[in-house]
Amino acid sequence: MEDNIQEIVRKKYAEAITNKAGGCCGSASGCCSGNSIGQTIDPITKDLYSCDELNGLNIDLIANSFGCGNPTALAQLNPGDVVLDLGSGAGLDVLLSAKKVGPNGKAYGLDMTDEMLSVARENQQKNNVSNAEFLKGQIEDIPLPDNTVDVIISNCVINLSGNKDKVISEAFRVLKPGGRLAVSDIVLRKVLPDKLKTNMLAWAGCVAGALMDNEYKDKLSAAGFENINVEVTREYDLNNENLKSLLKSFTENEMLEINGSIYSAFIRANKPI
């Protein structure tokens, strides 16, 4: 099943970036509301980035963000840090990180989708960012040596993996002692029904693969992380039309049963020194 999930997700995101049709969570509209960039109506991607953060960035980069949070705003990125974005997509969070860590730092983006990597590298050139590098690979097998990264970020991607234990152990491996995990992800308050878990569209839509909040903490702890914290950043109403489109096969009663169980969270943890 893991390989099947991975291929469905890869195809979904390749199609999303090729057609500019939205990725993990729907709309490929702009991320900043009430301004000349445009306003997304997608309930998951809406208003994740401030206009100040996005100032000066190419509009195509802004429009192709498919995340559920803004890890670059919540992670403490310092000048000189080495940052790794797991599932970097079109590269927005990588390029924002590169700006924050400065010329003495480095921002890596890791993605398995050729189409995403191509767009990310184009965006890097358009935005004249020299201290970023985009790598092809899977988040379950990070192509970097042990103990090389100060901060790992990710934006609504870990939930898409069929082997989250491997993702988390790989993140632990490449972090330096004292390094920080600071990721945005979809998290659950209660267990979803099997009907949803086996829905491949929902896998590609950030829902079916999400972990329970306590399960997420347990997996991080088992991998060796400490100082683990899960902070709610956005709750979702499944009556929203964009979210209902992911769950077309559900009855009204089933929707009522799972409503209030899905939210975005910012997950922090440290690798011991």
Protein backbone atom coordinates (compact mmCIF):
# COMPACT_ATOMS: atom_id res chain seq x y z
CA MET A 1 0.00 0.00 0.00
CA GLU A 2 2.88 2.40 0.77
CA ASP A 3 4.12 2.38 -2.84
CA ASN A 4 0.58 2.86 -4.12
CA ILE A 5 0.05 5.89 -1.89
CA GLN A 6 3.36 7.38 -2.98
CA GLU A 7 2.51 7.05 -6.67
CA ILE A 8 -0.98 8.53 -6.23
CA VAL A 9 0.51 11.50 -4.36
CA ARG A 10 3.26 11.97 -6.95
CA LYS A 11 0.75 12.01 -9.82
CA LYS A 12 -1.58 14.36 -7.96
CA TYR A 13 1.14 16.92 -7.36
CA ALA A 14 2.61 16.60 -10.84
CA GLU A 15 -0.84 17.35 -12.23
CA ALA A 16 -1.36 20.19 -9.75
CA ILE A 17 1.80 22.07 -10.67
CA THR A 18 1.44 21.36 -14.39
CA ASN A 19 -2.16 22.58 -14.56
CA LYS A 20 -1.89 25.14 -11.74
CA ALA A 21 -4.99 23.46 -10.37
CA GLY A 22 -4.20 23.19 -6.69
CA GLY A 23 -2.38 20.48 -4.78
CA CYS A 24 -2.74 18.98 -1.35
CA CYS A 25 -5.61 21.14 -0.38
CA GLY A 26 -7.22 22.52 -3.48
CA SER A 27 -6.93 26.04 -4.83
CA ALA A 28 -3.78 27.35 -6.43
CA SER A 29 -4.87 30.91 -5.76
CA GLY A 30 -2.68 33.45 -4.02
CA CYS A 31 -1.78 33.11 -0.36
CA CYS A 32 -2.19 36.71 0.74
CA SER A 33 -5.62 38.30 1.04
CA GLY A 34 -6.83 41.83 0.66
CA ASN A 35 -4.05 42.99 -1.64
CA SER A 36 -2.96 43.06 -5.24
CA ILE A 37 -1.59 39.50 -5.12
CA GLY A 38 -5.08 38.05 -4.83
CA GLN A 39 -7.14 36.16 -2.31
CA THR A 40 -7.50 32.42 -2.10
CA ILE A 41 -10.84 31.00 -1.01
CA ASP A 42 -9.37 27.62 -0.12
CA PRO A 43 -9.95 27.06 3.64
CA ILE A 44 -6.62 25.29 4.17
CA THR A 45 -4.23 27.46 2.16
CA LYS A 46 -6.01 30.76 2.89
CA ASP A 47 -3.95 33.62 4.39
CA LEU A 48 -0.96 31.55 5.50
CA TYR A 49 1.64 34.14 4.54
CA SER A 50 1.76 37.85 5.33
CA CYS A 51 2.25 40.38 2.57
CA ASP A 52 5.53 41.47 4.19
CA GLU A 53 6.90 37.92 3.90
CA LEU A 54 5.89 37.67 0.26
CA ASN A 55 7.07 41.12 -0.74
CA GLY A 56 9.37 40.97 -3.76
CA LEU A 57 8.68 37.32 -4.60
CA ASN A 58 7.55 36.30 -8.06
CA ILE A 59 3.75 35.95 -8.21
CA ASP A 60 3.93 32.46 -9.77
CA LEU A 61 5.77 31.20 -6.71
CA ILE A 62 3.14 32.63 -4.40
CA ALA A 63 0.26 31.19 -6.41
CA ASN A 64 1.67 27.65 -6.40
CA SER A 65 1.86 27.11 -2.66
CA PHE A 66 -0.13 24.01 -1.64
CA GLY A 67 0.58 23.91 2.11
CA CYS A 68 -1.53 23.92 5.27
CA GLY A 69 0.67 26.23 7.35
CA ASN A 70 3.62 28.58 7.34
CA PRO A 71 6.55 26.82 9.02
CA THR A 72 9.00 29.60 8.13
CA ALA A 73 7.04 32.03 10.31
CA LEU A 74 6.82 29.69 13.31
CA ALA A 75 10.26 28.09 13.13
CA GLN A 76 13.13 30.06 14.61
CA LEU A 77 15.52 30.39 11.67
CA ASN A 78 18.83 32.08 12.46
CA PRO A 79 21.52 33.52 10.19
CA GLY A 80 23.89 30.73 9.17
CA ASP A 81 21.41 27.89 9.75
CA VAL A 82 21.14 24.94 7.37
CA VAL A 83 17.45 24.28 6.69
CA LEU A 84 15.78 21.31 4.98
CA ASP A 85 12.21 21.45 3.66
CA LEU A 86 10.65 18.00 3.30
CA GLY A 87 8.36 17.98 0.27
CA SER A 88 9.38 21.42 -0.96
CA GLY A 89 6.98 21.68 -3.91
CA ALA A 90 7.32 24.89 -5.90
CA GLY A 91 9.89 26.15 -3.41
CA LEU A 92 8.17 28.96 -1.51
CA ASP A 93 9.22 27.85 1.98
CA VAL A 94 12.75 27.06 0.79
CA LEU A 95 13.23 30.51 -0.69
CA LEU A 96 11.72 32.23 2.36
CA SER A 97 14.07 30.16 4.56
CA ALA A 98 17.05 31.08 2.39
CA LYS A 99 16.28 34.76 2.95
CA LYS A 100 16.11 34.26 6.72
CA VAL A 101 19.32 32.25 7.11
CA GLY A 102 21.29 34.69 4.95
CA PRO A 103 24.32 34.20 2.71
CA ASN A 104 26.17 32.14 5.33
CA GLY A 105 23.25 29.71 5.64
CA LYS A 106 21.73 27.19 3.26
CA ALA A 107 18.19 26.05 2.46
CA TYR A 108 17.59 22.64 0.89
CA GLY A 109 14.33 21.54 -0.68
CA LEU A 110 13.56 17.84 -1.11
CA ASP A 111 10.83 16.63 -3.46
CA MET A 112 10.12 13.43 -5.41
CA THR A 113 8.19 15.08 -8.25
CA ASP A 114 10.19 16.13 -11.31
CA GLU A 115 7.57 18.70 -12.31
CA MET A 116 7.72 20.35 -8.88
CA LEU A 117 11.52 20.40 -8.88
CA SER A 118 11.58 22.02 -12.31
CA VAL A 119 9.23 24.79 -11.20
CA ALA A 120 11.11 25.25 -7.92
CA ARG A 121 14.43 25.73 -9.71
CA GLU A 122 12.81 28.20 -12.11
CA ASN A 123 11.43 30.09 -9.11
CA GLN A 124 14.88 30.13 -7.52
CA GLN A 125 16.32 31.76 -10.65
CA LYS A 126 13.45 34.24 -11.00
CA ASN A 127 13.90 35.34 -7.38
CA ASN A 128 17.74 35.45 -7.53
CA VAL A 129 18.27 33.19 -4.50
CA SER A 130 21.78 31.70 -4.48
CA ASN A 131 21.85 29.90 -1.11
CA ALA A 132 19.15 27.32 -1.93
CA GLU A 133 19.37 23.87 -3.51
CA PHE A 134 16.60 21.53 -4.61
CA LEU A 135 17.18 17.78 -4.32
CA LYS A 136 15.24 14.92 -5.85
CA GLY A 137 14.33 12.18 -3.42
CA GLN A 138 11.80 10.77 -1.01
CA ILE A 139 11.24 12.05 2.49
CA GLU A 140 11.53 8.44 3.70
CA ASP A 141 15.13 8.34 2.40
CA ILE A 142 16.71 11.80 2.68
CA PRO A 143 19.77 12.17 0.42
CA LEU A 144 21.90 14.04 2.98
CA PRO A 145 24.56 12.83 5.44
CA ASP A 146 23.99 12.36 9.16
CA ASN A 147 24.07 15.41 11.44
CA THR A 148 24.09 18.07 8.71
CA VAL A 149 20.90 20.11 9.20
CA ASP A 150 20.00 22.67 11.87
CA VAL A 151 16.27 22.92 11.17
CA ILE A 152 13.81 20.66 9.33
CA ILE A 153 10.60 22.24 8.11
CA SER A 154 7.72 20.76 6.14
CA ASN A 155 4.34 22.04 5.00
CA CYS A 156 1.47 19.55 4.90
CA VAL A 157 3.63 16.72 3.54
CA ILE A 158 4.51 14.22 6.28
CA ASN A 159 0.84 13.22 6.52
CA LEU A 160 1.04 12.11 2.86
CA SER A 161 3.65 9.44 3.57
CA GLY A 162 2.69 5.81 3.96
CA ASN A 163 5.67 5.27 6.29
CA LYS A 164 5.77 8.14 8.76
CA ASP A 165 8.06 6.29 11.16
CA LYS A 166 10.73 6.21 8.45
CA VAL A 167 10.24 9.91 7.68
CA ILE A 168 10.64 10.83 11.33
CA SER A 169 13.68 8.60 11.84
CA GLU A 170 15.31 10.07 8.73
CA ALA A 171 14.62 13.58 9.99
CA PHE A 172 16.26 12.66 13.30
CA ARG A 173 19.26 11.19 11.48
CA VAL A 174 20.09 14.24 9.36
CA LEU A 175 19.55 16.79 12.13
CA LYS A 176 22.60 17.96 14.03
CA PRO A 177 22.61 17.36 17.80
CA GLY A 178 20.42 20.10 19.19
CA GLY A 179 18.72 20.48 15.79
CA ARG A 180 15.05 21.36 15.52
CA LEU A 181 12.03 19.86 13.78
CA ALA A 182 9.45 22.57 13.01
CA VAL A 183 6.73 21.34 10.66
CA SER A 184 3.17 22.23 9.72
CA ASP A 185 0.87 19.27 9.17
CA ILE A 186 -2.70 18.01 9.24
CA VAL A 187 -3.49 16.32 12.57
CA LEU A 188 -6.55 14.52 13.94
CA ARG A 189 -8.47 14.66 17.21
CA LYS A 190 -10.23 11.35 16.64
CA VAL A 191 -9.72 8.28 14.50
CA LEU A 192 -11.09 8.51 10.97
CA PRO A 193 -13.24 5.69 9.57
CA ASP A 194 -11.62 3.03 7.39
CA LYS A 195 -13.72 4.27 4.46
CA LEU A 196 -11.75 7.51 4.46
CA LYS A 197 -8.37 5.94 5.14
CA THR A 198 -8.61 3.81 2.01
CA ASN A 199 -9.71 6.71 -0.21
CA MET A 200 -6.69 7.52 -2.39
CA LEU A 201 -8.02 10.97 -3.32
CA ALA A 202 -8.19 11.81 0.36
CA TRP A 203 -4.58 10.61 0.75
CA ALA A 204 -3.53 13.07 -1.94
CA GLY A 205 -5.73 15.68 -0.29
CA CYS A 206 -4.00 15.71 3.12
CA VAL A 207 -6.79 14.02 5.05
CA ALA A 208 -6.71 10.23 5.19
CA GLY A 209 -3.03 9.92 6.07
CA ALA A 210 -3.11 12.32 9.02
CA LEU A 211 -2.07 11.10 12.46
CA MET A 212 -3.81 11.51 15.79
CA ASP A 213 -2.11 14.26 17.79
CA ASN A 214 -0.94 11.87 20.51
CA GLU A 215 0.18 9.34 17.89
CA TYR A 216 2.33 12.04 16.28
CA LYS A 217 3.94 12.80 19.64
CA ASP A 218 4.54 9.11 20.34
CA LYS A 219 6.27 8.58 16.99
CA LEU A 220 8.54 11.57 17.54
CA SER A 221 9.42 10.37 21.03
CA ALA A 222 10.13 6.83 19.80
CA ALA A 223 12.57 8.25 17.22
CA GLY A 224 14.49 10.05 19.97
CA PHE A 225 13.05 13.57 19.81
CA GLU A 226 12.41 15.60 22.95
CA ASN A 227 10.58 18.83 23.88
CA ILE A 228 7.69 17.79 21.64
CA ASN A 229 4.80 20.20 21.20
CA VAL A 230 1.72 20.17 18.93
CA GLU A 231 0.09 23.59 18.54
CA VAL A 232 -3.25 24.00 16.74
CA THR A 233 -3.04 26.68 14.03
CA ARG A 234 -6.32 26.18 12.14
CA GLU A 235 -9.47 24.09 12.58
CA TYR A 236 -11.58 22.93 9.64
CA ASP A 237 -15.30 22.84 9.08
CA LEU A 238 -16.10 19.95 6.76
CA ASN A 239 -19.26 21.74 5.64
CA ASN A 240 -17.00 24.01 3.60
CA GLU A 241 -17.61 23.23 -0.07
CA ASN A 242 -13.89 22.88 -0.91
CA LEU A 243 -13.37 20.33 1.84
CA LYS A 244 -16.60 18.46 1.07
CA SER A 245 -15.25 17.84 -2.43
CA LEU A 246 -12.60 15.55 -0.91
CA LEU A 247 -15.27 13.48 0.83
CA LYS A 248 -17.94 13.06 -1.84
CA SER A 249 -18.62 9.44 -0.94
CA PHE A 250 -19.60 10.29 2.64
CA THR A 251 -23.20 10.56 3.83
CA GLU A 252 -24.42 13.59 5.78
CA ASN A 253 -24.36 11.59 9.03
CA GLU A 254 -20.81 10.38 8.36
CA MET A 255 -19.73 13.97 7.72
CA LEU A 256 -21.28 15.05 10.99
CA GLU A 257 -19.47 12.23 12.79
CA ILE A 258 -16.00 13.29 11.66
CA ASN A 259 -16.53 17.08 11.60
CA GLY A 260 -14.32 18.84 14.14
CA SER A 261 -11.68 16.10 14.03
CA ILE A 262 -9.29 17.62 11.47
CA TYR A 263 -6.97 20.58 12.02
CA SER A 264 -3.66 22.08 11.01
CA ALA A 265 -0.94 22.08 13.63
CA PHE A 266 2.60 23.27 14.09
CA ILE A 267 4.73 20.45 15.48
CA ARG A 268 7.99 21.26 17.25
CA ALA A 269 10.62 18.88 18.60
CA ASN A 270 14.38 18.83 19.28
CA LYS A 271 17.13 16.30 18.71
CA PRO A 272 19.04 15.96 22.00
CA ILE A 273 22.46 17.59 22.19
